Structure formats: structure tokens, C-alpha cells
Amino acid sequence: MEVAEEIEYEGLDPNAGLAVNMMAGALAGITEHAVMFPVDSIKTRMQVFATSPSAVYTGIGNAFTRISSTEGMRALWRGVSSVIMGAGPAHAVHFGMYEAVKELGGGNVAGNRNQWLATSLAGASATIASDALMNPFDVIKQRMQVHESQFRSAFTCARTVYAREGLSAFYISYPTTLTMTVPFTAVQFTAYEQLKAFLNPSGVYSPVSHMIAGGLAGGVAGAVTTPLDVAKTLLQTRGTSADPEIRGARGMGDAFRIILARDGWRGFGRGLTPRVLTFMPSNALCWLSYEFFKAAIRED
């Protein structure tokens, strides 16, 4: 009886095909967001300018203890359904676009001196496309995450926000999101590819190197883009605020002005620690899942 030859990871074509990359990306995205969601909820709470003392937190531990004791552990998972609904399609588009543009730009050609440029361009292109799809789901998620949110269903939240604020409410933060995530993704993908090549020069399937490279790349990219993330959160949760100035914020410029006036320069670092703690393990898990699913799907 003939035994089927085992397919070696390093022998696989770097350009796996659009369908494989999109499916692997969707599975990786859902895994990443679901696992780290409670820390993301804490980050959102710490970034919001709360008027109630009960919604002001001194750190991750303080936030976790108070939220779980006063609202229950389920409060930390509120909004996860929106992320799961959006993360699959958005990550499918993200990774599919990334691999397609990288291949088109010569990023998979060995010895190409402009590999880093192709990788950065691919990462930026992937973000523009995926964020257009994910932004409404992210708005719904954060509206459900805030302190004393009235929403328990993503569909109810979406209908209410649309009825009260119109379609623009789902995209008012999109320019800020792009301003943040285009450099975030360019830094993340470039750092990941460079670190992966350094840690695993032979190209063999190495979960440890994928995790380390993904985690470090995510942590660095998350830290340097935190100021923009604070502005994005302010814009996406403005409809839940009782403050007229915050409710009237119309874009990134208004958000920056409000943050600076109320909390000084340190305000742009709100939620830095939970953001980094979210992105390091989530990106490590995302890249590990992506590389695994990409290899597994191509073997079938």
C-alpha cells in the first residue's frame, strides 16, 4: 500500500492562493479576538472619559476586580458577538489582500531587496480594505463595552445607533482608524516578517518562532499607535457620553483637542498597558493560528 507523502511546511509555495489565505485569516482573527476580549474591554473602559467615579480605574487589576465584582464576569465579554461576526470576514479580507499584494509586489521572491517595501505596502493595503468592513462592528463592540451600557445584543445596539445617529456613526472614526491602523499594520507585518526570518531562517514550520515574532511585532505596533486609539475610542463611544463636548466631536482633530485639554499629554497614553497586553498575546496567537491554518488547509 502506497503511503501518501507528507507535505513539508517549508516546501509549500509562499503564495498559498486567495481562498486559503482568506480562510486561514478568518479563523485566526476569530481566535485572536475571542481569547483576548476581556482585556480589550478593560482597555476601552480605561480610555473613556467617564463622569461616574465608579467607572474610573487605576489599572488593569483594579478594573478587572471592580467590574467582575460589581457587574459580573459576563460584563467583560459584552460585545464579543459583534467582534466574532466582524472579525472572520474582516480578517479573511485582511490576509487575502495582504498575500495578494505581497505576491504582486515581489515580496515572495527570494533575494528581492525590496521585500520590506512590498510587505509594508501589502500590510497597509490589507488594513484599508479590512477596516472598511470591520469599523461598524468595532463601534457596536465599544458601545456594548462601556460602563453601564444599555445594550446586551449587537443587533439591538446596531439598530439603536443607526436610528439615533445615522449611518455616519459607524464610520465617524474610520479616518482615525486608518490613520492608526495603516502604520500599525505596516509596522506589525514588517517586524513580523523580519523577526520570523531572523528566528527561523530555514523556513521550517516553527510555532515558537511564529509566536515570538507575532507577539513582539504586535506589542511594538500597539504601543506606538495608542494615542490614535484613545482618539478612536472617544469618537466611537461619543453617543454614550452625557458630555455635550464629547457628543459633538466630529473627527480626529476634535478628539485630540478634547483629550489634550482634559488630561494633558498623558491622556494619549490611556489604556497603553492593556493595549500592549492585548496585542502581544493576541498577535502571537493570531500569527500562530494563521500559519497553522494556512499549512493545514493546504495539506488537505
C-alpha atoms as a PDB file:
ATOM      1  CA  MET A   1       0.000   0.000   0.000  1.00  0.00           C
ATOM      2  CA  GLU A   2       1.411   3.312  -1.020  1.00  0.00           C
ATOM      3  CA  VAL A   3       1.813   5.851   1.777  1.00  0.00           C
ATOM      4  CA  ALA A   4       0.928   9.438   0.917  1.00  0.00           C
ATOM      5  CA  GLU A   5       3.941  11.696   1.008  1.00  0.00           C
ATOM      6  CA  GLU A   6       3.868  14.167   3.903  1.00  0.00           C
ATOM      7  CA  ILE A   7       3.875  17.802   2.782  1.00  0.00           C
ATOM      8  CA  GLU A   8       6.661  19.787   4.398  1.00  0.00           C
ATOM      9  CA  TYR A   9       5.789  23.321   5.577  1.00  0.00           C
ATOM     10  CA  GLU A  10       8.962  24.859   4.142  1.00  0.00           C
ATOM     11  CA  GLY A  11       8.256  23.232   0.799  1.00  0.00           C
ATOM     12  CA  LEU A  12       4.924  24.940   0.368  1.00  0.00           C
ATOM     13  CA  ASP A  13       4.541  27.777  -2.119  1.00  0.00           C
ATOM     14  CA  PRO A  14       4.702  31.089  -0.164  1.00  0.00           C
ATOM     15  CA  ASN A  15       1.691  32.295  -2.160  1.00  0.00           C
ATOM     16  CA  ALA A  16      -0.950  29.828  -0.992  1.00  0.00           C
ATOM     17  CA  GLY A  17      -3.777  31.230  -3.047  1.00  0.00           C
ATOM     18  CA  LEU A  18      -6.513  33.708  -2.171  1.00  0.00           C
ATOM     19  CA  ALA A  19      -9.034  31.196  -0.797  1.00  0.00           C
ATOM     20  CA  VAL A  20      -6.524  29.533   1.543  1.00  0.00           C
ATOM     21  CA  ASN A  21      -5.205  32.853   2.857  1.00  0.00           C
ATOM     22  CA  MET A  22      -8.694  34.229   3.425  1.00  0.00           C
ATOM     23  CA  MET A  23      -9.912  31.121   5.246  1.00  0.00           C
ATOM     24  CA  ALA A  24      -6.776  30.956   7.403  1.00  0.00           C
ATOM     25  CA  GLY A  25      -7.083  34.666   8.168  1.00  0.00           C
ATOM     26  CA  ALA A  26     -10.747  34.367   9.161  1.00  0.00           C
ATOM     27  CA  LEU A  27     -10.075  31.500  11.566  1.00  0.00           C
ATOM     28  CA  ALA A  28      -7.042  33.282  13.024  1.00  0.00           C
ATOM     29  CA  GLY A  29      -8.976  36.535  13.504  1.00  0.00           C
ATOM     30  CA  ILE A  30     -11.870  34.936  15.357  1.00  0.00           C
ATOM     31  CA  THR A  31      -9.456  33.017  17.600  1.00  0.00           C
ATOM     32  CA  GLU A  32      -7.388  36.118  18.374  1.00  0.00           C
ATOM     33  CA  HIS A  33     -10.251  38.455  19.260  1.00  0.00           C
ATOM     34  CA  ALA A  34     -12.300  35.968  21.272  1.00  0.00           C
ATOM     35  CA  VAL A  35      -9.451  34.905  23.544  1.00  0.00           C
ATOM     36  CA  MET A  36      -8.256  38.421  24.443  1.00  0.00           C
ATOM     37  CA  PHE A  37     -11.662  40.113  24.593  1.00  0.00           C
ATOM     38  CA  PRO A  38     -11.833  40.733  28.396  1.00  0.00           C
ATOM     39  CA  VAL A  39      -8.538  42.670  28.312  1.00  0.00           C
ATOM     40  CA  ASP A  40      -9.829  44.668  25.353  1.00  0.00           C
ATOM     41  CA  SER A  41     -12.961  45.529  27.356  1.00  0.00           C
ATOM     42  CA  ILE A  42     -10.797  46.861  30.192  1.00  0.00           C
ATOM     43  CA  LYS A  43      -8.781  48.934  27.703  1.00  0.00           C
ATOM     44  CA  THR A  44     -11.962  50.521  26.356  1.00  0.00           C
ATOM     45  CA  ARG A  45     -13.183  51.374  29.869  1.00  0.00           C
ATOM     46  CA  MET A  46      -9.842  52.949  30.784  1.00  0.00           C
ATOM     47  CA  GLN A  47      -9.816  55.096  27.641  1.00  0.00           C
ATOM     48  CA  VAL A  48     -13.330  56.518  28.028  1.00  0.00           C
ATOM     49  CA  PHE A  49     -13.661  59.867  29.819  1.00  0.00           C
ATOM     50  CA  ALA A  50     -16.117  58.721  32.483  1.00  0.00           C
ATOM     51  CA  THR A  51     -18.210  61.093  34.600  1.00  0.00           C
ATOM     52  CA  SER A  52     -19.023  58.495  37.254  1.00  0.00           C
ATOM     53  CA  PRO A  53     -16.315  57.712  39.862  1.00  0.00           C
ATOM     54  CA  SER A  54     -17.331  54.060  39.683  1.00  0.00           C
ATOM     55  CA  ALA A  55     -16.167  53.990  36.049  1.00  0.00           C
ATOM     56  CA  VAL A  56     -12.667  55.366  36.737  1.00  0.00           C
ATOM     57  CA  TYR A  57      -9.999  52.669  37.036  1.00  0.00           C
ATOM     58  CA  THR A  58      -6.424  52.904  38.301  1.00  0.00           C
ATOM     59  CA  GLY A  59      -5.081  49.886  36.444  1.00  0.00           C
ATOM     60  CA  ILE A  60      -5.858  46.540  34.856  1.00  0.00           C
ATOM     61  CA  GLY A  61      -6.092  44.666  38.156  1.00  0.00           C
ATOM     62  CA  ASN A  62      -8.315  47.316  39.685  1.00  0.00           C
ATOM     63  CA  ALA A  63     -10.585  47.340  36.632  1.00  0.00           C
ATOM     64  CA  PHE A  64     -10.848  43.554  36.481  1.00  0.00           C
ATOM     65  CA  THR A  65     -11.673  43.248  40.189  1.00  0.00           C
ATOM     66  CA  ARG A  66     -14.262  46.023  40.244  1.00  0.00           C
ATOM     67  CA  ILE A  67     -16.012  45.072  37.008  1.00  0.00           C
ATOM     68  CA  SER A  68     -16.230  41.377  37.889  1.00  0.00           C
ATOM     69  CA  SER A  69     -17.396  42.062  41.467  1.00  0.00           C
ATOM     70  CA  THR A  70     -20.000  44.742  40.669  1.00  0.00           C
ATOM     71  CA  GLU A  71     -21.204  43.732  37.207  1.00  0.00           C
ATOM     72  CA  GLY A  72     -20.219  40.087  36.989  1.00  0.00           C
ATOM     73  CA  MET A  73     -17.685  38.333  34.763  1.00  0.00           C
ATOM     74  CA  ARG A  74     -20.108  38.381  31.844  1.00  0.00           C
ATOM     75  CA  ALA A  75     -19.700  42.156  31.595  1.00  0.00           C
ATOM     76  CA  LEU A  76     -16.124  41.624  30.398  1.00  0.00           C
ATOM     77  CA  TRP A  77     -17.447  39.615  27.448  1.00  0.00           C
ATOM     78  CA  ARG A  78     -20.202  42.050  26.468  1.00  0.00           C
ATOM     79  CA  GLY A  79     -19.846  42.863  22.766  1.00  0.00           C
ATOM     80  CA  VAL A  80     -17.866  39.759  21.846  1.00  0.00           C
ATOM     81  CA  SER A  81     -20.629  38.652  19.451  1.00  0.00           C
ATOM     82  CA  SER A  82     -20.066  41.762  17.324  1.00  0.00           C
ATOM     83  CA  VAL A  83     -16.347  41.050  17.134  1.00  0.00           C
ATOM     84  CA  ILE A  84     -16.879  37.430  16.126  1.00  0.00           C
ATOM     85  CA  MET A  85     -19.350  38.440  13.405  1.00  0.00           C
ATOM     86  CA  GLY A  86     -16.971  41.057  12.020  1.00  0.00           C
ATOM     87  CA  ALA A  87     -13.563  39.527  12.704  1.00  0.00           C
ATOM     88  CA  GLY A  88     -13.995  36.488  10.464  1.00  0.00           C
ATOM     89  CA  PRO A  89     -14.856  38.361   7.243  1.00  0.00           C
ATOM     90  CA  ALA A  90     -12.544  41.300   8.050  1.00  0.00           C
ATOM     91  CA  HIS A  91      -9.533  39.071   8.722  1.00  0.00           C
ATOM     92  CA  ALA A  92     -10.306  36.992   5.643  1.00  0.00           C
ATOM     93  CA  VAL A  93     -10.162  40.171   3.559  1.00  0.00           C
ATOM     94  CA  HIS A  94      -7.103  41.363   5.512  1.00  0.00           C
ATOM     95  CA  PHE A  95      -4.932  38.306   4.968  1.00  0.00           C
ATOM     96  CA  GLY A  96      -6.221  37.688   1.458  1.00  0.00           C
ATOM     97  CA  MET A  97      -5.348  41.248   0.413  1.00  0.00           C
ATOM     98  CA  TYR A  98      -2.012  41.076   2.239  1.00  0.00           C
ATOM     99  CA  GLU A  99      -0.826  37.936   0.481  1.00  0.00           C
ATOM    100  CA  ALA A 100      -2.135  39.080  -2.926  1.00  0.00           C
ATOM    101  CA  VAL A 101      -0.401  42.478  -2.790  1.00  0.00           C
ATOM    102  CA  LYS A 102       2.790  40.988  -1.349  1.00  0.00           C
ATOM    103  CA  GLU A 103       2.939  38.478  -4.208  1.00  0.00           C
ATOM    104  CA  LEU A 104       2.205  41.201  -6.765  1.00  0.00           C
ATOM    105  CA  GLY A 105       4.962  43.411  -5.317  1.00  0.00           C
ATOM    106  CA  GLY A 106       7.564  40.645  -5.360  1.00  0.00           C
ATOM    107  CA  GLY A 107       7.546  40.104  -1.603  1.00  0.00           C
ATOM    108  CA  ASN A 108       7.728  36.324  -2.025  1.00  0.00           C
ATOM    109  CA  VAL A 109      10.722  36.439  -4.390  1.00  0.00           C
ATOM    110  CA  ALA A 110      13.883  35.223  -2.660  1.00  0.00           C
ATOM    111  CA  GLY A 111      16.685  37.770  -2.690  1.00  0.00           C
ATOM    112  CA  ASN A 112      14.459  40.702  -3.600  1.00  0.00           C
ATOM    113  CA  ARG A 113      15.998  43.795  -1.956  1.00  0.00           C
ATOM    114  CA  ASN A 114      12.615  45.494  -1.874  1.00  0.00           C
ATOM    115  CA  GLN A 115      10.867  42.737   0.076  1.00  0.00           C
ATOM    116  CA  TRP A 116      10.330  45.087   3.030  1.00  0.00           C
ATOM    117  CA  LEU A 117       8.631  47.631   0.748  1.00  0.00           C
ATOM    118  CA  ALA A 118       6.311  45.018  -0.743  1.00  0.00           C
ATOM    119  CA  THR A 119       5.478  43.770   2.759  1.00  0.00           C
ATOM    120  CA  SER A 120       4.721  47.266   4.092  1.00  0.00           C
ATOM    121  CA  LEU A 121       2.556  48.119   1.080  1.00  0.00           C
ATOM    122  CA  ALA A 122       0.728  44.807   1.410  1.00  0.00           C
ATOM    123  CA  GLY A 123       0.073  45.412   5.111  1.00  0.00           C
ATOM    124  CA  ALA A 124      -1.253  48.930   4.515  1.00  0.00           C
ATOM    125  CA  SER A 125      -3.497  47.791   1.638  1.00  0.00           C
ATOM    126  CA  ALA A 126      -4.861  44.952   3.732  1.00  0.00           C
ATOM    127  CA  THR A 127      -5.767  47.360   6.534  1.00  0.00           C
ATOM    128  CA  ILE A 128      -7.622  49.838   4.330  1.00  0.00           C
ATOM    129  CA  ALA A 129      -9.817  47.050   2.965  1.00  0.00           C
ATOM    130  CA  SER A 130     -10.455  45.171   6.216  1.00  0.00           C
ATOM    131  CA  ASP A 131     -11.113  48.281   8.327  1.00  0.00           C
ATOM    132  CA  ALA A 132     -13.854  49.416   5.966  1.00  0.00           C
ATOM    133  CA  LEU A 133     -15.626  46.150   6.772  1.00  0.00           C
ATOM    134  CA  MET A 134     -14.755  45.977  10.490  1.00  0.00           C
ATOM    135  CA  ASN A 135     -15.351  49.578  11.602  1.00  0.00           C
ATOM    136  CA  PRO A 136     -19.136  49.286  12.189  1.00  0.00           C
ATOM    137  CA  PHE A 137     -18.629  46.091  14.216  1.00  0.00           C
ATOM    138  CA  ASP A 138     -15.962  47.842  16.305  1.00  0.00           C
ATOM    139  CA  VAL A 139     -18.331  50.736  17.054  1.00  0.00           C
ATOM    140  CA  ILE A 140     -21.006  48.283  18.217  1.00  0.00           C
ATOM    141  CA  LYS A 141     -18.450  46.409  20.324  1.00  0.00           C
ATOM    142  CA  GLN A 142     -17.286  49.522  22.178  1.00  0.00           C
ATOM    143  CA  ARG A 143     -20.834  50.806  22.720  1.00  0.00           C
ATOM    144  CA  MET A 144     -21.529  47.493  24.466  1.00  0.00           C
ATOM    145  CA  GLN A 145     -18.265  47.518  26.448  1.00  0.00           C
ATOM    146  CA  VAL A 146     -18.668  50.898  28.188  1.00  0.00           C
ATOM    147  CA  HIS A 147     -19.724  51.238  31.821  1.00  0.00           C
ATOM    148  CA  GLU A 148     -23.490  50.804  32.339  1.00  0.00           C
ATOM    149  CA  SER A 149     -24.113  50.079  28.663  1.00  0.00           C
ATOM    150  CA  GLN A 150     -27.807  49.660  27.881  1.00  0.00           C
ATOM    151  CA  PHE A 151     -27.084  47.126  25.152  1.00  0.00           C
ATOM    152  CA  ARG A 152     -26.991  43.345  25.546  1.00  0.00           C
ATOM    153  CA  SER A 153     -27.469  42.447  21.883  1.00  0.00           C
ATOM    154  CA  ALA A 154     -25.286  43.501  18.971  1.00  0.00           C
ATOM    155  CA  PHE A 155     -28.318  43.726  16.680  1.00  0.00           C
ATOM    156  CA  THR A 156     -30.230  45.920  19.142  1.00  0.00           C
ATOM    157  CA  CYS A 157     -27.182  48.143  19.510  1.00  0.00           C
ATOM    158  CA  ALA A 158     -26.790  48.477  15.743  1.00  0.00           C
ATOM    159  CA  ARG A 159     -30.471  49.349  15.229  1.00  0.00           C
ATOM    160  CA  THR A 160     -30.471  51.898  18.062  1.00  0.00           C
ATOM    161  CA  VAL A 161     -27.254  53.627  16.979  1.00  0.00           C
ATOM    162  CA  TYR A 162     -28.496  53.817  13.391  1.00  0.00           C
ATOM    163  CA  ALA A 163     -31.895  55.181  14.451  1.00  0.00           C
ATOM    164  CA  ARG A 164     -30.428  57.826  16.768  1.00  0.00           C
ATOM    165  CA  GLU A 165     -27.230  58.855  14.988  1.00  0.00           C
ATOM    166  CA  GLY A 166     -27.490  57.609  11.428  1.00  0.00           C
ATOM    167  CA  LEU A 167     -25.087  55.622   9.273  1.00  0.00           C
ATOM    168  CA  SER A 168     -22.266  58.114   9.837  1.00  0.00           C
ATOM    169  CA  ALA A 169     -21.963  56.979  13.466  1.00  0.00           C
ATOM    170  CA  PHE A 170     -20.489  53.691  12.251  1.00  0.00           C
ATOM    171  CA  TYR A 171     -17.813  55.456  10.200  1.00  0.00           C
ATOM    172  CA  ILE A 172     -17.019  58.699  12.031  1.00  0.00           C
ATOM    173  CA  SER A 173     -13.892  57.040  13.421  1.00  0.00           C
ATOM    174  CA  TYR A 174     -12.844  55.448  10.098  1.00  0.00           C
ATOM    175  CA  PRO A 175     -10.311  58.178   9.142  1.00  0.00           C
ATOM    176  CA  THR A 176      -8.816  57.950  12.651  1.00  0.00           C
ATOM    177  CA  THR A 177      -8.851  54.159  12.450  1.00  0.00           C
ATOM    178  CA  LEU A 178      -6.968  54.236   9.138  1.00  0.00           C
ATOM    179  CA  THR A 179      -4.525  56.834  10.453  1.00  0.00           C
ATOM    180  CA  MET A 180      -3.828  54.429  13.297  1.00  0.00           C
ATOM    181  CA  THR A 181      -4.010  51.012  11.683  1.00  0.00           C
ATOM    182  CA  VAL A 182      -2.171  51.682   8.422  1.00  0.00           C
ATOM    183  CA  PRO A 183       1.097  52.441  10.269  1.00  0.00           C
ATOM    184  CA  PHE A 184       0.209  49.813  12.891  1.00  0.00           C
ATOM    185  CA  THR A 185      -0.168  47.103  10.285  1.00  0.00           C
ATOM    186  CA  ALA A 186       2.823  48.234   8.240  1.00  0.00           C
ATOM    187  CA  VAL A 187       4.985  48.126  11.397  1.00  0.00           C
ATOM    188  CA  GLN A 188       3.459  44.847  12.548  1.00  0.00           C
ATOM    189  CA  PHE A 189       3.803  42.953   9.261  1.00  0.00           C
ATOM    190  CA  THR A 190       7.274  44.301   8.545  1.00  0.00           C
ATOM    191  CA  ALA A 191       8.500  43.493  12.053  1.00  0.00           C
ATOM    192  CA  TYR A 192       6.888  40.060  11.917  1.00  0.00           C
ATOM    193  CA  GLU A 193       8.451  39.089   8.604  1.00  0.00           C
ATOM    194  CA  GLN A 194      11.891  40.347   9.688  1.00  0.00           C
ATOM    195  CA  LEU A 195      11.715  38.664  13.101  1.00  0.00           C
ATOM    196  CA  LYS A 196      10.399  35.428  11.585  1.00  0.00           C
ATOM    197  CA  ALA A 197      13.271  35.360   9.096  1.00  0.00           C
ATOM    198  CA  PHE A 198      15.761  36.064  11.896  1.00  0.00           C
ATOM    199  CA  LEU A 199      14.336  33.475  14.310  1.00  0.00           C
ATOM    200  CA  ASN A 200      13.591  30.857  11.676  1.00  0.00           C
ATOM    201  CA  PRO A 201      15.977  31.315   8.718  1.00  0.00           C
ATOM    202  CA  SER A 202      15.384  27.774   7.436  1.00  0.00           C
ATOM    203  CA  GLY A 203      11.657  28.450   6.941  1.00  0.00           C
ATOM    204  CA  VAL A 204      10.539  25.241   8.663  1.00  0.00           C
ATOM    205  CA  TYR A 205       7.183  25.247  10.440  1.00  0.00           C
ATOM    206  CA  SER A 206       8.089  26.637  13.858  1.00  0.00           C
ATOM    207  CA  PRO A 207       5.178  27.572  16.161  1.00  0.00           C
ATOM    208  CA  VAL A 208       7.547  29.078  18.740  1.00  0.00           C
ATOM    209  CA  SER A 209       9.159  31.471  16.251  1.00  0.00           C
ATOM    210  CA  HIS A 210       5.730  32.447  14.867  1.00  0.00           C
ATOM    211  CA  MET A 211       4.507  33.220  18.394  1.00  0.00           C
ATOM    212  CA  ILE A 212       7.565  35.220  19.443  1.00  0.00           C
ATOM    213  CA  ALA A 213       7.731  37.200  16.202  1.00  0.00           C
ATOM    214  CA  GLY A 214       3.984  37.877  16.225  1.00  0.00           C
ATOM    215  CA  GLY A 215       3.910  38.862  19.899  1.00  0.00           C
ATOM    216  CA  LEU A 216       6.843  41.280  19.696  1.00  0.00           C
ATOM    217  CA  ALA A 217       5.590  42.832  16.467  1.00  0.00           C
ATOM    218  CA  GLY A 218       2.126  43.349  17.928  1.00  0.00           C
ATOM    219  CA  GLY A 219       3.394  44.844  21.172  1.00  0.00           C
ATOM    220  CA  VAL A 220       5.584  47.428  19.432  1.00  0.00           C
ATOM    221  CA  ALA A 221       2.911  48.383  16.905  1.00  0.00           C
ATOM    222  CA  GLY A 222       0.248  48.613  19.614  1.00  0.00           C
ATOM    223  CA  ALA A 223       2.340  50.857  21.847  1.00  0.00           C
ATOM    224  CA  VAL A 224       3.275  53.428  19.210  1.00  0.00           C
ATOM    225  CA  THR A 225      -0.315  53.803  17.987  1.00  0.00           C
ATOM    226  CA  THR A 226      -2.003  54.113  21.410  1.00  0.00           C
ATOM    227  CA  PRO A 227      -2.615  57.912  21.123  1.00  0.00           C
ATOM    228  CA  LEU A 228      -4.664  57.350  17.981  1.00  0.00           C
ATOM    229  CA  ASP A 229      -6.528  54.502  19.642  1.00  0.00           C
ATOM    230  CA  VAL A 230      -7.579  56.815  22.503  1.00  0.00           C
ATOM    231  CA  ALA A 231      -8.976  59.273  19.942  1.00  0.00           C
ATOM    232  CA  LYS A 232     -10.763  56.461  18.108  1.00  0.00           C
ATOM    233  CA  THR A 233     -12.409  55.242  21.319  1.00  0.00           C
ATOM    234  CA  LEU A 234     -13.619  58.760  22.137  1.00  0.00           C
ATOM    235  CA  LEU A 235     -15.255  59.056  18.704  1.00  0.00           C
ATOM    236  CA  GLN A 236     -16.792  55.577  18.741  1.00  0.00           C
ATOM    237  CA  THR A 237     -18.306  55.957  22.221  1.00  0.00           C
ATOM    238  CA  ARG A 238     -19.346  59.612  21.964  1.00  0.00           C
ATOM    239  CA  GLY A 239     -23.009  58.662  21.678  1.00  0.00           C
ATOM    240  CA  THR A 240     -22.922  57.107  25.163  1.00  0.00           C
ATOM    241  CA  SER A 241     -21.468  60.229  26.811  1.00  0.00           C
ATOM    242  CA  ALA A 242     -23.512  62.804  28.730  1.00  0.00           C
ATOM    243  CA  ASP A 243     -20.851  65.429  27.975  1.00  0.00           C
ATOM    244  CA  PRO A 244     -22.021  67.793  25.176  1.00  0.00           C
ATOM    245  CA  GLU A 245     -18.455  68.472  24.001  1.00  0.00           C
ATOM    246  CA  ILE A 246     -17.666  64.785  23.589  1.00  0.00           C
ATOM    247  CA  ARG A 247     -21.035  64.088  21.931  1.00  0.00           C
ATOM    248  CA  GLY A 248     -20.305  66.897  19.493  1.00  0.00           C
ATOM    249  CA  ALA A 249     -16.852  65.638  18.460  1.00  0.00           C
ATOM    250  CA  ARG A 250     -16.756  65.426  14.656  1.00  0.00           C
ATOM    251  CA  GLY A 251     -13.394  63.905  13.929  1.00  0.00           C
ATOM    252  CA  MET A 252      -9.822  63.213  14.910  1.00  0.00           C
ATOM    253  CA  GLY A 253      -8.952  66.900  15.414  1.00  0.00           C
ATOM    254  CA  ASP A 254     -11.792  67.386  17.901  1.00  0.00           C
ATOM    255  CA  ALA A 255     -10.855  64.191  19.715  1.00  0.00           C
ATOM    256  CA  PHE A 256      -7.212  65.254  20.085  1.00  0.00           C
ATOM    257  CA  ARG A 257      -8.242  68.680  21.343  1.00  0.00           C
ATOM    258  CA  ILE A 258     -10.590  67.217  23.992  1.00  0.00           C
ATOM    259  CA  ILE A 259      -8.030  64.669  25.200  1.00  0.00           C
ATOM    260  CA  LEU A 260      -5.264  67.266  25.474  1.00  0.00           C
ATOM    261  CA  ALA A 261      -7.478  69.801  27.275  1.00  0.00           C
ATOM    262  CA  ARG A 262      -8.810  67.325  29.826  1.00  0.00           C
ATOM    263  CA  ASP A 263      -5.906  65.049  30.563  1.00  0.00           C
ATOM    264  CA  GLY A 264      -2.825  66.678  29.044  1.00  0.00           C
ATOM    265  CA  TRP A 265      -0.286  64.692  27.081  1.00  0.00           C
ATOM    266  CA  ARG A 266      -0.637  61.725  29.423  1.00  0.00           C
ATOM    267  CA  GLY A 267      -4.198  61.346  28.181  1.00  0.00           C
ATOM    268  CA  PHE A 268      -2.843  59.979  24.911  1.00  0.00           C
ATOM    269  CA  GLY A 269      -1.404  57.060  26.865  1.00  0.00           C
ATOM    270  CA  ARG A 270      -4.734  55.972  28.340  1.00  0.00           C
ATOM    271  CA  GLY A 271      -5.062  52.210  28.150  1.00  0.00           C
ATOM    272  CA  LEU A 272      -1.453  51.721  26.982  1.00  0.00           C
ATOM    273  CA  THR A 273      -0.755  48.750  29.250  1.00  0.00           C
ATOM    274  CA  PRO A 274      -3.903  46.733  28.473  1.00  0.00           C
ATOM    275  CA  ARG A 275      -3.495  47.596  24.780  1.00  0.00           C
ATOM    276  CA  VAL A 276       0.030  46.170  24.705  1.00  0.00           C
ATOM    277  CA  LEU A 277      -1.029  43.219  26.866  1.00  0.00           C
ATOM    278  CA  THR A 278      -3.866  42.600  24.419  1.00  0.00           C
ATOM    279  CA  PHE A 279      -1.801  42.834  21.262  1.00  0.00           C
ATOM    280  CA  MET A 280       1.227  40.817  22.339  1.00  0.00           C
ATOM    281  CA  PRO A 281      -0.560  37.531  23.109  1.00  0.00           C
ATOM    282  CA  SER A 282      -3.386  38.121  20.610  1.00  0.00           C
ATOM    283  CA  ASN A 283      -0.959  38.798  17.763  1.00  0.00           C
ATOM    284  CA  ALA A 284       1.164  35.845  18.816  1.00  0.00           C
ATOM    285  CA  LEU A 285      -1.976  33.683  18.750  1.00  0.00           C
ATOM    286  CA  CYS A 286      -3.183  35.248  15.504  1.00  0.00           C
ATOM    287  CA  TRP A 287       0.053  34.573  13.617  1.00  0.00           C
ATOM    288  CA  LEU A 288       0.387  31.113  15.150  1.00  0.00           C
ATOM    289  CA  SER A 289      -3.196  30.304  14.102  1.00  0.00           C
ATOM    290  CA  TYR A 290      -2.730  31.842  10.665  1.00  0.00           C
ATOM    291  CA  GLU A 291       0.455  29.912   9.874  1.00  0.00           C
ATOM    292  CA  PHE A 292      -1.087  26.710  11.253  1.00  0.00           C
ATOM    293  CA  PHE A 293      -4.379  27.010   9.379  1.00  0.00           C
ATOM    294  CA  LYS A 294      -2.598  28.048   6.187  1.00  0.00           C
ATOM    295  CA  ALA A 295      -0.409  24.949   6.326  1.00  0.00           C
ATOM    296  CA  ALA A 296      -3.240  22.645   7.431  1.00  0.00           C
ATOM    297  CA  ILE A 297      -5.696  23.804   4.756  1.00  0.00           C
ATOM    298  CA  ARG A 298      -3.104  23.412   2.013  1.00  0.00           C
ATOM    299  CA  GLU A 299      -2.342  19.836   3.097  1.00  0.00           C
ATOM    300  CA  ASP A 300      -5.980  18.771   2.707  1.00  0.00           C
END
